[in-house]
Amino acid sequence: FDTVGRLLATYIPVTTMTATIFTFIRIALDALVCYTNYLDVKGTNTYLVYFLTLLNPALLAVTSGIAANLLFALAPSRVEDEMKGRVGTSMSFCLVLGLFVGSVASIKFATLVDFQK
């Protein structure tokens, strides 16, 4: 779904406002994940929980793909020409580092959470 978001981003104008909007939508979806977990623990409406459990990763991936594409296109245009290569390299490095740290943290977090409750 991240790829779908990146494809959709090609139809969205690259401006500071659109990048900001999609970044905040991406952050706001984290609240939906927490609400889904709350509903699951509370034990209400299991079909809604199943639906949201399937919908959450898709929405997070699509908005993440859109936001990343917009920000990767916008950031180099904000610096001087001689710094554009360094900005692109720094962003790519931080993207890979963030994916690695998030993956390692999720493994550690999964060992701390008891999913059997």
PDB file of N, CA and C in Angstrom:
ATOM      1  N   PHE A   1       0.814  -1.207   0.000  1.00  0.00           N
ATOM      2  CA  PHE A   1       0.000   0.000   0.000  1.00  0.00           C
ATOM      3  C   PHE A   1       0.851   1.262   0.000  1.00  0.00           C
ATOM      4  N   ASP A   2       2.090   1.143   0.488  1.00  0.00           N
ATOM      5  CA  ASP A   2       3.001   2.286   0.448  1.00  0.00           C
ATOM      6  C   ASP A   2       3.247   2.701  -0.998  1.00  0.00           C
ATOM      7  N   THR A   3       3.374   1.717  -1.878  1.00  0.00           N
ATOM      8  CA  THR A   3       3.583   2.006  -3.293  1.00  0.00           C
ATOM      9  C   THR A   3       2.373   2.702  -3.887  1.00  0.00           C
ATOM     10  N   VAL A   4       1.186   2.312  -3.471  1.00  0.00           N
ATOM     11  CA  VAL A   4      -0.036   2.987  -3.936  1.00  0.00           C
ATOM     12  C   VAL A   4       0.003   4.451  -3.518  1.00  0.00           C
ATOM     13  N   GLY A   5       0.407   4.703  -2.270  1.00  0.00           N
ATOM     14  CA  GLY A   5       0.522   6.082  -1.797  1.00  0.00           C
ATOM     15  C   GLY A   5       1.531   6.884  -2.594  1.00  0.00           C
ATOM     16  N   ARG A   6       2.644   6.235  -2.940  1.00  0.00           N
ATOM     17  CA  ARG A   6       3.661   6.940  -3.725  1.00  0.00           C
ATOM     18  C   ARG A   6       3.157   7.242  -5.141  1.00  0.00           C
ATOM     19  N   LEU A   7       2.356   6.327  -5.701  1.00  0.00           N
ATOM     20  CA  LEU A   7       1.769   6.587  -7.022  1.00  0.00           C
ATOM     21  C   LEU A   7       0.719   7.688  -6.952  1.00  0.00           C
ATOM     22  N   LEU A   8      -0.103   7.670  -5.908  1.00  0.00           N
ATOM     23  CA  LEU A   8      -1.114   8.721  -5.744  1.00  0.00           C
ATOM     24  C   LEU A   8      -0.473  10.094  -5.548  1.00  0.00           C
ATOM     25  N   ALA A   9       0.694  10.121  -4.923  1.00  0.00           N
ATOM     26  CA  ALA A   9       1.373  11.390  -4.654  1.00  0.00           C
ATOM     27  C   ALA A   9       1.784  12.104  -5.932  1.00  0.00           C
ATOM     28  N   THR A  10       1.916  11.382  -7.027  1.00  0.00           N
ATOM     29  CA  THR A  10       2.292  12.038  -8.290  1.00  0.00           C
ATOM     30  C   THR A  10       1.177  12.933  -8.808  1.00  0.00           C
ATOM     31  N   TYR A  11      -0.054  12.745  -8.319  1.00  0.00           N
ATOM     32  CA  TYR A  11      -1.186  13.566  -8.747  1.00  0.00           C
ATOM     33  C   TYR A  11      -1.481  14.695  -7.770  1.00  0.00           C
ATOM     34  N   ILE A  12      -0.691  14.813  -6.713  1.00  0.00           N
ATOM     35  CA  ILE A  12      -0.912  15.828  -5.691  1.00  0.00           C
ATOM     36  C   ILE A  12       0.156  16.899  -5.856  1.00  0.00           C
ATOM     37  N   PRO A  13      -0.245  18.189  -5.856  1.00  0.00           N
ATOM     38  CA  PRO A  13       0.766  19.238  -6.006  1.00  0.00           C
ATOM     39  C   PRO A  13       1.751  19.240  -4.826  1.00  0.00           C
ATOM     40  N   VAL A  14       3.029  19.431  -5.138  1.00  0.00           N
ATOM     41  CA  VAL A  14       4.074  19.431  -4.114  1.00  0.00           C
ATOM     42  C   VAL A  14       4.183  20.829  -3.530  1.00  0.00           C
ATOM     43  N   THR A  15       3.513  21.048  -2.419  1.00  0.00           N
ATOM     44  CA  THR A  15       3.598  22.315  -1.704  1.00  0.00           C
ATOM     45  C   THR A  15       3.803  22.021  -0.224  1.00  0.00           C
ATOM     46  N   THR A  16       4.199  23.040   0.492  1.00  0.00           N
ATOM     47  CA  THR A  16       4.384  22.881   1.932  1.00  0.00           C
ATOM     48  C   THR A  16       3.065  22.516   2.597  1.00  0.00           C
ATOM     49  N   MET A  17       1.976  23.095   2.138  1.00  0.00           N
ATOM     50  CA  MET A  17       0.667  22.835   2.746  1.00  0.00           C
ATOM     51  C   MET A  17       0.233  21.388   2.546  1.00  0.00           C
ATOM     52  N   THR A  18       0.372  20.849   1.342  1.00  0.00           N
ATOM     53  CA  THR A  18      -0.045  19.454   1.124  1.00  0.00           C
ATOM     54  C   THR A  18       0.844  18.488   1.905  1.00  0.00           C
ATOM     55  N   ALA A  19       2.137  18.776   1.978  1.00  0.00           N
ATOM     56  CA  ALA A  19       3.035  17.915   2.753  1.00  0.00           C
ATOM     57  C   ALA A  19       2.661  17.954   4.231  1.00  0.00           C
ATOM     58  N   THR A  20       2.322  19.123   4.734  1.00  0.00           N
ATOM     59  CA  THR A  20       1.924  19.269   6.131  1.00  0.00           C
ATOM     60  C   THR A  20       0.621  18.533   6.404  1.00  0.00           C
ATOM     61  N   ILE A  21      -0.342  18.666   5.521  1.00  0.00           N
ATOM     62  CA  ILE A  21      -1.642  18.015   5.697  1.00  0.00           C
ATOM     63  C   ILE A  21      -1.479  16.498   5.754  1.00  0.00           C
ATOM     64  N   PHE A  22      -0.745  15.925   4.816  1.00  0.00           N
ATOM     65  CA  PHE A  22      -0.597  14.472   4.800  1.00  0.00           C
ATOM     66  C   PHE A  22       0.262  13.966   5.952  1.00  0.00           C
ATOM     67  N   THR A  23       1.192  14.778   6.418  1.00  0.00           N
ATOM     68  CA  THR A  23       1.974  14.388   7.591  1.00  0.00           C
ATOM     69  C   THR A  23       1.082  14.334   8.823  1.00  0.00           C
ATOM     70  N   PHE A  24       0.206  15.327   8.990  1.00  0.00           N
ATOM     71  CA  PHE A  24      -0.692  15.324  10.146  1.00  0.00           C
ATOM     72  C   PHE A  24      -1.762  14.235  10.040  1.00  0.00           C
ATOM     73  N   ILE A  25      -2.216  13.932   8.832  1.00  0.00           N
ATOM     74  CA  ILE A  25      -3.152  12.813   8.662  1.00  0.00           C
ATOM     75  C   ILE A  25      -2.473  11.519   9.086  1.00  0.00           C
ATOM     76  N   ARG A  26      -1.230  11.367   8.701  1.00  0.00           N
ATOM     77  CA  ARG A  26      -0.466  10.163   9.068  1.00  0.00           C
ATOM     78  C   ARG A  26      -0.338  10.043  10.582  1.00  0.00           C
ATOM     79  N   ILE A  27      -0.065  11.140  11.256  1.00  0.00           N
ATOM     80  CA  ILE A  27       0.049  11.137  12.717  1.00  0.00           C
ATOM     81  C   ILE A  27      -1.304  10.877  13.360  1.00  0.00           C
ATOM     82  N   ALA A  28      -2.364  11.461  12.815  1.00  0.00           N
ATOM     83  CA  ALA A  28      -3.706  11.286  13.385  1.00  0.00           C
ATOM     84  C   ALA A  28      -4.169   9.838  13.288  1.00  0.00           C
ATOM     85  N   LEU A  29      -3.703   9.110  12.282  1.00  0.00           N
ATOM     86  CA  LEU A  29      -4.101   7.710  12.147  1.00  0.00           C
ATOM     87  C   LEU A  29      -3.551   6.846  13.276  1.00  0.00           C
ATOM     88  N   ASP A  30      -2.501   7.313  13.930  1.00  0.00           N
ATOM     89  CA  ASP A  30      -2.000   6.577  15.092  1.00  0.00           C
ATOM     90  C   ASP A  30      -3.060   6.520  16.189  1.00  0.00           C
ATOM     91  N   ALA A  31      -3.867   7.560  16.290  1.00  0.00           N
ATOM     92  CA  ALA A  31      -4.961   7.553  17.263  1.00  0.00           C
ATOM     93  C   ALA A  31      -5.993   6.487  16.911  1.00  0.00           C
ATOM     94  N   LEU A  32      -6.201   6.244  15.631  1.00  0.00           N
ATOM     95  CA  LEU A  32      -7.131   5.200  15.215  1.00  0.00           C
ATOM     96  C   LEU A  32      -6.616   3.817  15.610  1.00  0.00           C
ATOM     97  N   VAL A  33      -5.310   3.636  15.558  1.00  0.00           N
ATOM     98  CA  VAL A  33      -4.718   2.374  16.005  1.00  0.00           C
ATOM     99  C   VAL A  33      -4.982   2.177  17.500  1.00  0.00           C
ATOM    100  N   CYS A  34      -4.779   3.233  18.277  1.00  0.00           N
ATOM    101  CA  CYS A  34      -5.034   3.152  19.724  1.00  0.00           C
ATOM    102  C   CYS A  34      -6.512   2.876  20.002  1.00  0.00           C
ATOM    103  N   TYR A  35      -7.401   3.507  19.252  1.00  0.00           N
ATOM    104  CA  TYR A  35      -8.835   3.284  19.442  1.00  0.00           C
ATOM    105  C   TYR A  35      -9.211   1.845  19.090  1.00  0.00           C
ATOM    106  N   THR A  36      -8.624   1.305  18.048  1.00  0.00           N
ATOM    107  CA  THR A  36      -8.882  -0.086  17.675  1.00  0.00           C
ATOM    108  C   THR A  36      -8.428  -1.021  18.789  1.00  0.00           C
ATOM    109  N   ASN A  37      -7.267  -0.761  19.350  1.00  0.00           N
ATOM    110  CA  ASN A  37      -6.789  -1.581  20.461  1.00  0.00           C
ATOM    111  C   ASN A  37      -7.705  -1.457  21.669  1.00  0.00           C
ATOM    112  N   TYR A  38      -8.210  -0.267  21.930  1.00  0.00           N
ATOM    113  CA  TYR A  38      -9.140  -0.053  23.035  1.00  0.00           C
ATOM    114  C   TYR A  38     -10.420  -0.868  22.826  1.00  0.00           C
ATOM    115  N   LEU A  39     -10.949  -0.829  21.601  1.00  0.00           N
ATOM    116  CA  LEU A  39     -12.164  -1.601  21.305  1.00  0.00           C
ATOM    117  C   LEU A  39     -11.908  -3.098  21.453  1.00  0.00           C
ATOM    118  N   ASP A  40     -10.727  -3.533  21.049  1.00  0.00           N
ATOM    119  CA  ASP A  40     -10.395  -4.950  21.140  1.00  0.00           C
ATOM    120  C   ASP A  40     -10.302  -5.397  22.597  1.00  0.00           C
ATOM    121  N   VAL A  41      -9.664  -4.598  23.425  1.00  0.00           N
ATOM    122  CA  VAL A  41      -9.532  -4.940  24.842  1.00  0.00           C
ATOM    123  C   VAL A  41     -10.894  -4.900  25.524  1.00  0.00           C
ATOM    124  N   LYS A  42     -11.708  -3.927  25.142  1.00  0.00           N
ATOM    125  CA  LYS A  42     -13.037  -3.791  25.734  1.00  0.00           C
ATOM    126  C   LYS A  42     -13.957  -4.935  25.311  1.00  0.00           C
ATOM    127  N   GLY A  43     -13.665  -5.530  24.168  1.00  0.00           N
ATOM    128  CA  GLY A  43     -14.433  -6.677  23.696  1.00  0.00           C
ATOM    129  C   GLY A  43     -15.733  -6.328  23.012  1.00  0.00           C
ATOM    130  N   THR A  44     -15.853  -5.127  22.505  1.00  0.00           N
ATOM    131  CA  THR A  44     -17.089  -4.722  21.845  1.00  0.00           C
ATOM    132  C   THR A  44     -16.951  -4.796  20.331  1.00  0.00           C
ATOM    133  N   ASN A  45     -18.017  -5.216  19.693  1.00  0.00           N
ATOM    134  CA  ASN A  45     -18.159  -5.194  18.239  1.00  0.00           C
ATOM    135  C   ASN A  45     -16.923  -5.765  17.529  1.00  0.00           C
ATOM    136  N   THR A  46     -16.773  -7.046  17.592  1.00  0.00           N
ATOM    137  CA  THR A  46     -15.580  -7.683  17.034  1.00  0.00           C
ATOM    138  C   THR A  46     -15.449  -7.485  15.528  1.00  0.00           C
ATOM    139  N   TYR A  47     -16.564  -7.364  14.808  1.00  0.00           N
ATOM    140  CA  TYR A  47     -16.470  -7.138  13.367  1.00  0.00           C
ATOM    141  C   TYR A  47     -15.875  -5.765  13.065  1.00  0.00           C
ATOM    142  N   LEU A  48     -16.218  -4.780  13.874  1.00  0.00           N
ATOM    143  CA  LEU A  48     -15.615  -3.459  13.716  1.00  0.00           C
ATOM    144  C   LEU A  48     -14.117  -3.525  13.996  1.00  0.00           C
ATOM    145  N   VAL A  49     -13.736  -4.251  15.010  1.00  0.00           N
ATOM    146  CA  VAL A  49     -12.316  -4.403  15.340  1.00  0.00           C
ATOM    147  C   VAL A  49     -11.587  -5.099  14.201  1.00  0.00           C
ATOM    148  N   TYR A  50     -12.172  -6.150  13.628  1.00  0.00           N
ATOM    149  CA  TYR A  50     -11.545  -6.844  12.493  1.00  0.00           C
ATOM    150  C   TYR A  50     -11.388  -5.905  11.304  1.00  0.00           C
ATOM    151  N   PHE A  51     -12.437  -5.141  11.021  1.00  0.00           N
ATOM    152  CA  PHE A  51     -12.395  -4.204   9.899  1.00  0.00           C
ATOM    153  C   PHE A  51     -11.310  -3.145  10.114  1.00  0.00           C
ATOM    154  N   LEU A  52     -11.286  -2.546  11.316  1.00  0.00           N
ATOM    155  CA  LEU A  52     -10.289  -1.520  11.600  1.00  0.00           C
ATOM    156  C   LEU A  52      -8.880  -2.093  11.632  1.00  0.00           C
ATOM    157  N   THR A  53      -8.751  -3.333  12.073  1.00  0.00           N
ATOM    158  CA  THR A  53      -7.440  -3.976  12.094  1.00  0.00           C
ATOM    159  C   THR A  53      -6.903  -4.167  10.675  1.00  0.00           C
ATOM    160  N   LEU A  54      -7.777  -4.408   9.722  1.00  0.00           N
ATOM    161  CA  LEU A  54      -7.363  -4.519   8.322  1.00  0.00           C
ATOM    162  C   LEU A  54      -7.177  -3.151   7.671  1.00  0.00           C
ATOM    163  N   LEU A  55      -8.007  -2.188   8.075  1.00  0.00           N
ATOM    164  CA  LEU A  55      -7.975  -0.863   7.465  1.00  0.00           C
ATOM    165  C   LEU A  55      -6.782  -0.033   7.938  1.00  0.00           C
ATOM    166  N   ASN A  56      -6.426  -0.138   9.213  1.00  0.00           N
ATOM    167  CA  ASN A  56      -5.358   0.695   9.782  1.00  0.00           C
ATOM    168  C   ASN A  56      -4.041   0.591   9.032  1.00  0.00           C
ATOM    169  N   PRO A  57      -3.490  -0.615   8.827  1.00  0.00           N
ATOM    170  CA  PRO A  57      -2.201  -0.682   8.120  1.00  0.00           C
ATOM    171  C   PRO A  57      -2.287  -0.141   6.691  1.00  0.00           C
ATOM    172  N   ALA A  58      -3.415  -0.360   6.041  1.00  0.00           N
ATOM    173  CA  ALA A  58      -3.559   0.141   4.667  1.00  0.00           C
ATOM    174  C   ALA A  58      -3.543   1.671   4.645  1.00  0.00           C
ATOM    175  N   LEU A  59      -4.317   2.291   5.537  1.00  0.00           N
ATOM    176  CA  LEU A  59      -4.341   3.753   5.585  1.00  0.00           C
ATOM    177  C   LEU A  59      -2.995   4.329   6.009  1.00  0.00           C
ATOM    178  N   LEU A  60      -2.357   3.694   6.972  1.00  0.00           N
ATOM    179  CA  LEU A  60      -1.039   4.160   7.406  1.00  0.00           C
ATOM    180  C   LEU A  60      -0.021   4.069   6.282  1.00  0.00           C
ATOM    181  N   ALA A  61      -0.059   2.978   5.527  1.00  0.00           N
ATOM    182  CA  ALA A  61       0.901   2.806   4.434  1.00  0.00           C
ATOM    183  C   ALA A  61       0.652   3.801   3.307  1.00  0.00           C
ATOM    184  N   VAL A  62      -0.609   3.994   2.934  1.00  0.00           N
ATOM    185  CA  VAL A  62      -0.920   4.922   1.843  1.00  0.00           C
ATOM    186  C   VAL A  62      -0.521   6.349   2.221  1.00  0.00           C
ATOM    187  N   THR A  63      -0.908   6.791   3.409  1.00  0.00           N
ATOM    188  CA  THR A  63      -0.562   8.159   3.807  1.00  0.00           C
ATOM    189  C   THR A  63       0.942   8.313   4.034  1.00  0.00           C
ATOM    190  N   SER A  64       1.596   7.270   4.492  1.00  0.00           N
ATOM    191  CA  SER A  64       3.046   7.329   4.656  1.00  0.00           C
ATOM    192  C   SER A  64       3.731   7.456   3.299  1.00  0.00           C
ATOM    193  N   GLY A  65       3.256   6.701   2.319  1.00  0.00           N
ATOM    194  CA  GLY A  65       3.821   6.799   0.971  1.00  0.00           C
ATOM    195  C   GLY A  65       3.621   8.174   0.359  1.00  0.00           C
ATOM    196  N   ILE A  66       2.425   8.744   0.554  1.00  0.00           N
ATOM    197  CA  ILE A  66       2.158  10.085   0.026  1.00  0.00           C
ATOM    198  C   ILE A  66       3.047  11.111   0.710  1.00  0.00           C
ATOM    199  N   ALA A  67       3.086  11.076   2.046  1.00  0.00           N
ATOM    200  CA  ALA A  67       3.880  12.057   2.795  1.00  0.00           C
ATOM    201  C   ALA A  67       5.363  11.939   2.457  1.00  0.00           C
ATOM    202  N   ALA A  68       5.877  10.728   2.389  1.00  0.00           N
ATOM    203  CA  ALA A  68       7.301  10.546   2.073  1.00  0.00           C
ATOM    204  C   ALA A  68       7.617  11.069   0.684  1.00  0.00           C
ATOM    205  N   ASN A  69       6.768  10.768  -0.283  1.00  0.00           N
ATOM    206  CA  ASN A  69       7.008  11.226  -1.648  1.00  0.00           C
ATOM    207  C   ASN A  69       6.988  12.754  -1.721  1.00  0.00           C
ATOM    208  N   LEU A  70       6.004  13.368  -1.070  1.00  0.00           N
ATOM    209  CA  LEU A  70       5.912  14.825  -1.089  1.00  0.00           C
ATOM    210  C   LEU A  70       7.117  15.464  -0.394  1.00  0.00           C
ATOM    211  N   LEU A  71       7.500  14.916   0.743  1.00  0.00           N
ATOM    212  CA  LEU A  71       8.618  15.507   1.489  1.00  0.00           C
ATOM    213  C   LEU A  71       9.951  15.294   0.779  1.00  0.00           C
ATOM    214  N   PHE A  72      10.127  14.135   0.158  1.00  0.00           N
ATOM    215  CA  PHE A  72      11.369  13.901  -0.583  1.00  0.00           C
ATOM    216  C   PHE A  72      11.458  14.805  -1.816  1.00  0.00           C
ATOM    217  N   ALA A  73      10.323  15.193  -2.373  1.00  0.00           N
ATOM    218  CA  ALA A  73      10.331  16.117  -3.511  1.00  0.00           C
ATOM    219  C   ALA A  73      10.475  17.563  -3.058  1.00  0.00           C
ATOM    220  N   LEU A  74       9.947  17.872  -1.896  1.00  0.00           N
ATOM    221  CA  LEU A  74       9.918  19.261  -1.426  1.00  0.00           C
ATOM    222  C   LEU A  74      11.227  19.688  -0.775  1.00  0.00           C
ATOM    223  N   ALA A  75      11.831  18.849   0.023  1.00  0.00           N
ATOM    224  CA  ALA A  75      12.998  19.246   0.824  1.00  0.00           C
ATOM    225  C   ALA A  75      14.179  19.757  -0.013  1.00  0.00           C
ATOM    226  N   PRO A  76      14.582  19.068  -1.081  1.00  0.00           N
ATOM    227  CA  PRO A  76      15.740  19.582  -1.839  1.00  0.00           C
ATOM    228  C   PRO A  76      15.483  20.947  -2.485  1.00  0.00           C
ATOM    229  N   SER A  77      14.242  21.286  -2.735  1.00  0.00           N
ATOM    230  CA  SER A  77      13.953  22.588  -3.343  1.00  0.00           C
ATOM    231  C   SER A  77      14.087  23.724  -2.333  1.00  0.00           C
ATOM    232  N   ARG A  78      14.236  23.392  -1.062  1.00  0.00           N
ATOM    233  CA  ARG A  78      14.335  24.403   0.001  1.00  0.00           C
ATOM    234  C   ARG A  78      15.774  24.774   0.346  1.00  0.00           C
ATOM    235  N   VAL A  79      16.754  24.147  -0.289  1.00  0.00           N
ATOM    236  CA  VAL A  79      18.157  24.432   0.027  1.00  0.00           C
ATOM    237  C   VAL A  79      18.880  24.927  -1.218  1.00  0.00           C
ATOM    238  N   GLU A  80      20.087  25.434  -0.991  1.00  0.00           N
ATOM    239  CA  GLU A  80      20.901  25.912  -2.105  1.00  0.00           C
ATOM    240  C   GLU A  80      21.317  24.748  -2.994  1.00  0.00           C
ATOM    241  N   ASP A  81      21.650  25.058  -4.239  1.00  0.00           N
ATOM    242  CA  ASP A  81      21.956  24.022  -5.228  1.00  0.00           C
ATOM    243  C   ASP A  81      23.094  23.096  -4.801  1.00  0.00           C
ATOM    244  N   GLU A  82      24.150  23.638  -4.197  1.00  0.00           N
ATOM    245  CA  GLU A  82      25.284  22.797  -3.823  1.00  0.00           C
ATOM    246  C   GLU A  82      24.971  21.871  -2.655  1.00  0.00           C
ATOM    247  N   MET A  83      23.870  22.098  -1.944  1.00  0.00           N
ATOM    248  CA  MET A  83      23.493  21.256  -0.797  1.00  0.00           C
ATOM    249  C   MET A  83      22.433  20.207  -1.145  1.00  0.00           C
ATOM    250  N   LYS A  84      21.874  20.260  -2.329  1.00  0.00           N
ATOM    251  CA  LYS A  84      20.779  19.351  -2.692  1.00  0.00           C
ATOM    252  C   LYS A  84      21.193  17.885  -2.625  1.00  0.00           C
ATOM    253  N   GLY A  85      22.398  17.562  -3.073  1.00  0.00           N
ATOM    254  CA  GLY A  85      22.876  16.181  -3.014  1.00  0.00           C
ATOM    255  C   GLY A  85      23.009  15.688  -1.581  1.00  0.00           C
ATOM    256  N   ARG A  86      23.534  16.545  -0.718  1.00  0.00           N
ATOM    257  CA  ARG A  86      23.684  16.163   0.686  1.00  0.00           C
ATOM    258  C   ARG A  86      22.334  15.997   1.363  1.00  0.00           C
ATOM    259  N   VAL A  87      21.396  16.846   1.033  1.00  0.00           N
ATOM    260  CA  VAL A  87      20.054  16.740   1.616  1.00  0.00           C
ATOM    261  C   VAL A  87      19.403  15.426   1.185  1.00  0.00           C
ATOM    262  N   GLY A  88      19.498  15.094  -0.090  1.00  0.00           N
ATOM    263  CA  GLY A  88      18.922  13.837  -0.578  1.00  0.00           C
ATOM    264  C   GLY A  88      19.574  12.627   0.068  1.00  0.00           C
ATOM    265  N   THR A  89      20.898  12.663   0.206  1.00  0.00           N
ATOM    266  CA  THR A  89      21.608  11.555   0.852  1.00  0.00           C
ATOM    267  C   THR A  89      21.213  11.439   2.312  1.00  0.00           C
ATOM    268  N   SER A  90      21.125  12.564   3.003  1.00  0.00           N
ATOM    269  CA  SER A  90      20.740  12.553   4.419  1.00  0.00           C
ATOM    270  C   SER A  90      19.329  12.013   4.607  1.00  0.00           C
ATOM    271  N   MET A  91      18.416  12.429   3.737  1.00  0.00           N
ATOM    272  CA  MET A  91      17.032  11.945   3.841  1.00  0.00           C
ATOM    273  C   MET A  91      16.960  10.453   3.577  1.00  0.00           C
ATOM    274  N   SER A  92      17.688   9.970   2.581  1.00  0.00           N
ATOM    275  CA  SER A  92      17.675   8.535   2.284  1.00  0.00           C
ATOM    276  C   SER A  92      18.270   7.733   3.430  1.00  0.00           C
ATOM    277  N   PHE A  93      19.372   8.220   3.998  1.00  0.00           N
ATOM    278  CA  PHE A  93      19.985   7.533   5.121  1.00  0.00           C
ATOM    279  C   PHE A  93      19.035   7.486   6.313  1.00  0.00           C
ATOM    280  N   CYS A  94      18.400   8.612   6.616  1.00  0.00           N
ATOM    281  CA  CYS A  94      17.477   8.660   7.759  1.00  0.00           C
ATOM    282  C   CYS A  94      16.246   7.778   7.518  1.00  0.00           C
ATOM    283  N   LEU A  95      15.790   7.665   6.282  1.00  0.00           N
ATOM    284  CA  LEU A  95      14.664   6.786   5.977  1.00  0.00           C
ATOM    285  C   LEU A  95      15.029   5.332   6.265  1.00  0.00           C
ATOM    286  N   VAL A  96      16.176   4.901   5.788  1.00  0.00           N
ATOM    287  CA  VAL A  96      16.612   3.521   6.025  1.00  0.00           C
ATOM    288  C   VAL A  96      16.878   3.290   7.510  1.00  0.00           C
ATOM    289  N   LEU A  97      17.508   4.248   8.172  1.00  0.00           N
ATOM    290  CA  LEU A  97      17.772   4.125   9.603  1.00  0.00           C
ATOM    291  C   LEU A  97      16.472   4.036  10.394  1.00  0.00           C
ATOM    292  N   GLY A  98      15.493   4.846  10.030  1.00  0.00           N
ATOM    293  CA  GLY A  98      14.205   4.807  10.705  1.00  0.00           C
ATOM    294  C   GLY A  98      13.483   3.483  10.517  1.00  0.00           C
ATOM    295  N   LEU A  99      13.558   2.918   9.313  1.00  0.00           N
ATOM    296  CA  LEU A  99      12.957   1.609   9.075  1.00  0.00           C
ATOM    297  C   LEU A  99      13.644   0.525   9.904  1.00  0.00           C
ATOM    298  N   PHE A 100      14.971   0.595   9.987  1.00  0.00           N
ATOM    299  CA  PHE A 100      15.717  -0.389  10.768  1.00  0.00           C
ATOM    300  C   PHE A 100      15.393  -0.271  12.259  1.00  0.00           C
ATOM    301  N   VAL A 101      15.444   0.933  12.786  1.00  0.00           N
ATOM    302  CA  VAL A 101      15.180   1.135  14.216  1.00  0.00           C
ATOM    303  C   VAL A 101      13.737   0.760  14.550  1.00  0.00           C
ATOM    304  N   GLY A 102      12.804   1.119  13.682  1.00  0.00           N
ATOM    305  CA  GLY A 102      11.407   0.746  13.912  1.00  0.00           C
ATOM    306  C   GLY A 102      11.198  -0.756  13.904  1.00  0.00           C
ATOM    307  N   SER A 103      11.878  -1.451  13.011  1.00  0.00           N
ATOM    308  CA  SER A 103      11.759  -2.918  12.960  1.00  0.00           C
ATOM    309  C   SER A 103      12.324  -3.564  14.213  1.00  0.00           C
ATOM    310  N   VAL A 104      13.490  -3.108  14.634  1.00  0.00           N
ATOM    311  CA  VAL A 104      14.099  -3.668  15.842  1.00  0.00           C
ATOM    312  C   VAL A 104      13.241  -3.349  17.067  1.00  0.00           C
ATOM    313  N   ALA A 105      12.743  -2.126  17.143  1.00  0.00           N
ATOM    314  CA  ALA A 105      11.909  -1.734  18.279  1.00  0.00           C
ATOM    315  C   ALA A 105      10.605  -2.530  18.304  1.00  0.00           C
ATOM    316  N   SER A 106      10.042  -2.828  17.144  1.00  0.00           N
ATOM    317  CA  SER A 106       8.785  -3.586  17.122  1.00  0.00           C
ATOM    318  C   SER A 106       8.997  -5.016  17.612  1.00  0.00           C
ATOM    319  N   ILE A 107      10.151  -5.596  17.314  1.00  0.00           N
ATOM    320  CA  ILE A 107      10.438  -6.941  17.813  1.00  0.00           C
ATOM    321  C   ILE A 107      10.552  -6.920  19.330  1.00  0.00           C
ATOM    322  N   LYS A 108      11.264  -5.924  19.861  1.00  0.00           N
ATOM    323  CA  LYS A 108      11.407  -5.805  21.312  1.00  0.00           C
ATOM    324  C   LYS A 108      10.053  -5.514  21.960  1.00  0.00           C
ATOM    325  N   PHE A 109       9.252  -4.644  21.347  1.00  0.00           N
ATOM    326  CA  PHE A 109       7.944  -4.299  21.883  1.00  0.00           C
ATOM    327  C   PHE A 109       7.021  -5.515  21.892  1.00  0.00           C
ATOM    328  N   ALA A 110       7.103  -6.331  20.858  1.00  0.00           N
ATOM    329  CA  ALA A 110       6.251  -7.519  20.776  1.00  0.00           C
ATOM    330  C   ALA A 110       6.561  -8.506  21.902  1.00  0.00           C
ATOM    331  N   THR A 111       7.807  -8.542  22.360  1.00  0.00           N
ATOM    332  CA  THR A 111       8.139  -9.436  23.465  1.00  0.00           C
ATOM    333  C   THR A 111       7.625  -8.908  24.798  1.00  0.00           C
ATOM    334  N   LEU A 112       7.363  -7.604  24.876  1.00  0.00           N
ATOM    335  CA  LEU A 112       6.875  -6.991  26.108  1.00  0.00           C
ATOM    336  C   LEU A 112       5.359  -7.070  26.248  1.00  0.00           C
ATOM    337  N   VAL A 113       4.666  -7.236  25.141  1.00  0.00           N
ATOM    338  CA  VAL A 113       3.205  -7.208  25.140  1.00  0.00           C
ATOM    339  C   VAL A 113       2.675  -8.642  25.157  1.00  0.00           C
ATOM    340  N   ASP A 114       1.715  -8.874  26.019  1.00  0.00           N
ATOM    341  CA  ASP A 114       1.086 -10.188  26.082  1.00  0.00           C
ATOM    342  C   ASP A 114      -0.165 -10.169  25.195  1.00  0.00           C
ATOM    343  N   PHE A 115      -0.066 -10.756  24.022  1.00  0.00           N
ATOM    344  CA  PHE A 115      -1.177 -10.733  23.073  1.00  0.00           C
ATOM    345  C   PHE A 115      -2.258 -11.753  23.390  1.00  0.00           C
ATOM    346  N   GLN A 116      -2.072 -12.580  24.376  1.00  0.00           N
ATOM    347  CA  GLN A 116      -3.023 -13.629  24.684  1.00  0.00           C
ATOM    348  C   GLN A 116      -4.171 -13.161  25.561  1.00  0.00           C
ATOM    349  N   LYS A 117      -4.145 -11.943  26.059  1.00  0.00           N
ATOM    350  CA  LYS A 117      -5.210 -11.445  26.938  1.00  0.00           C
ATOM    351  C   LYS A 117      -6.456 -11.129  26.171  1.00  0.00           C
TER     352      LYS A 117
END
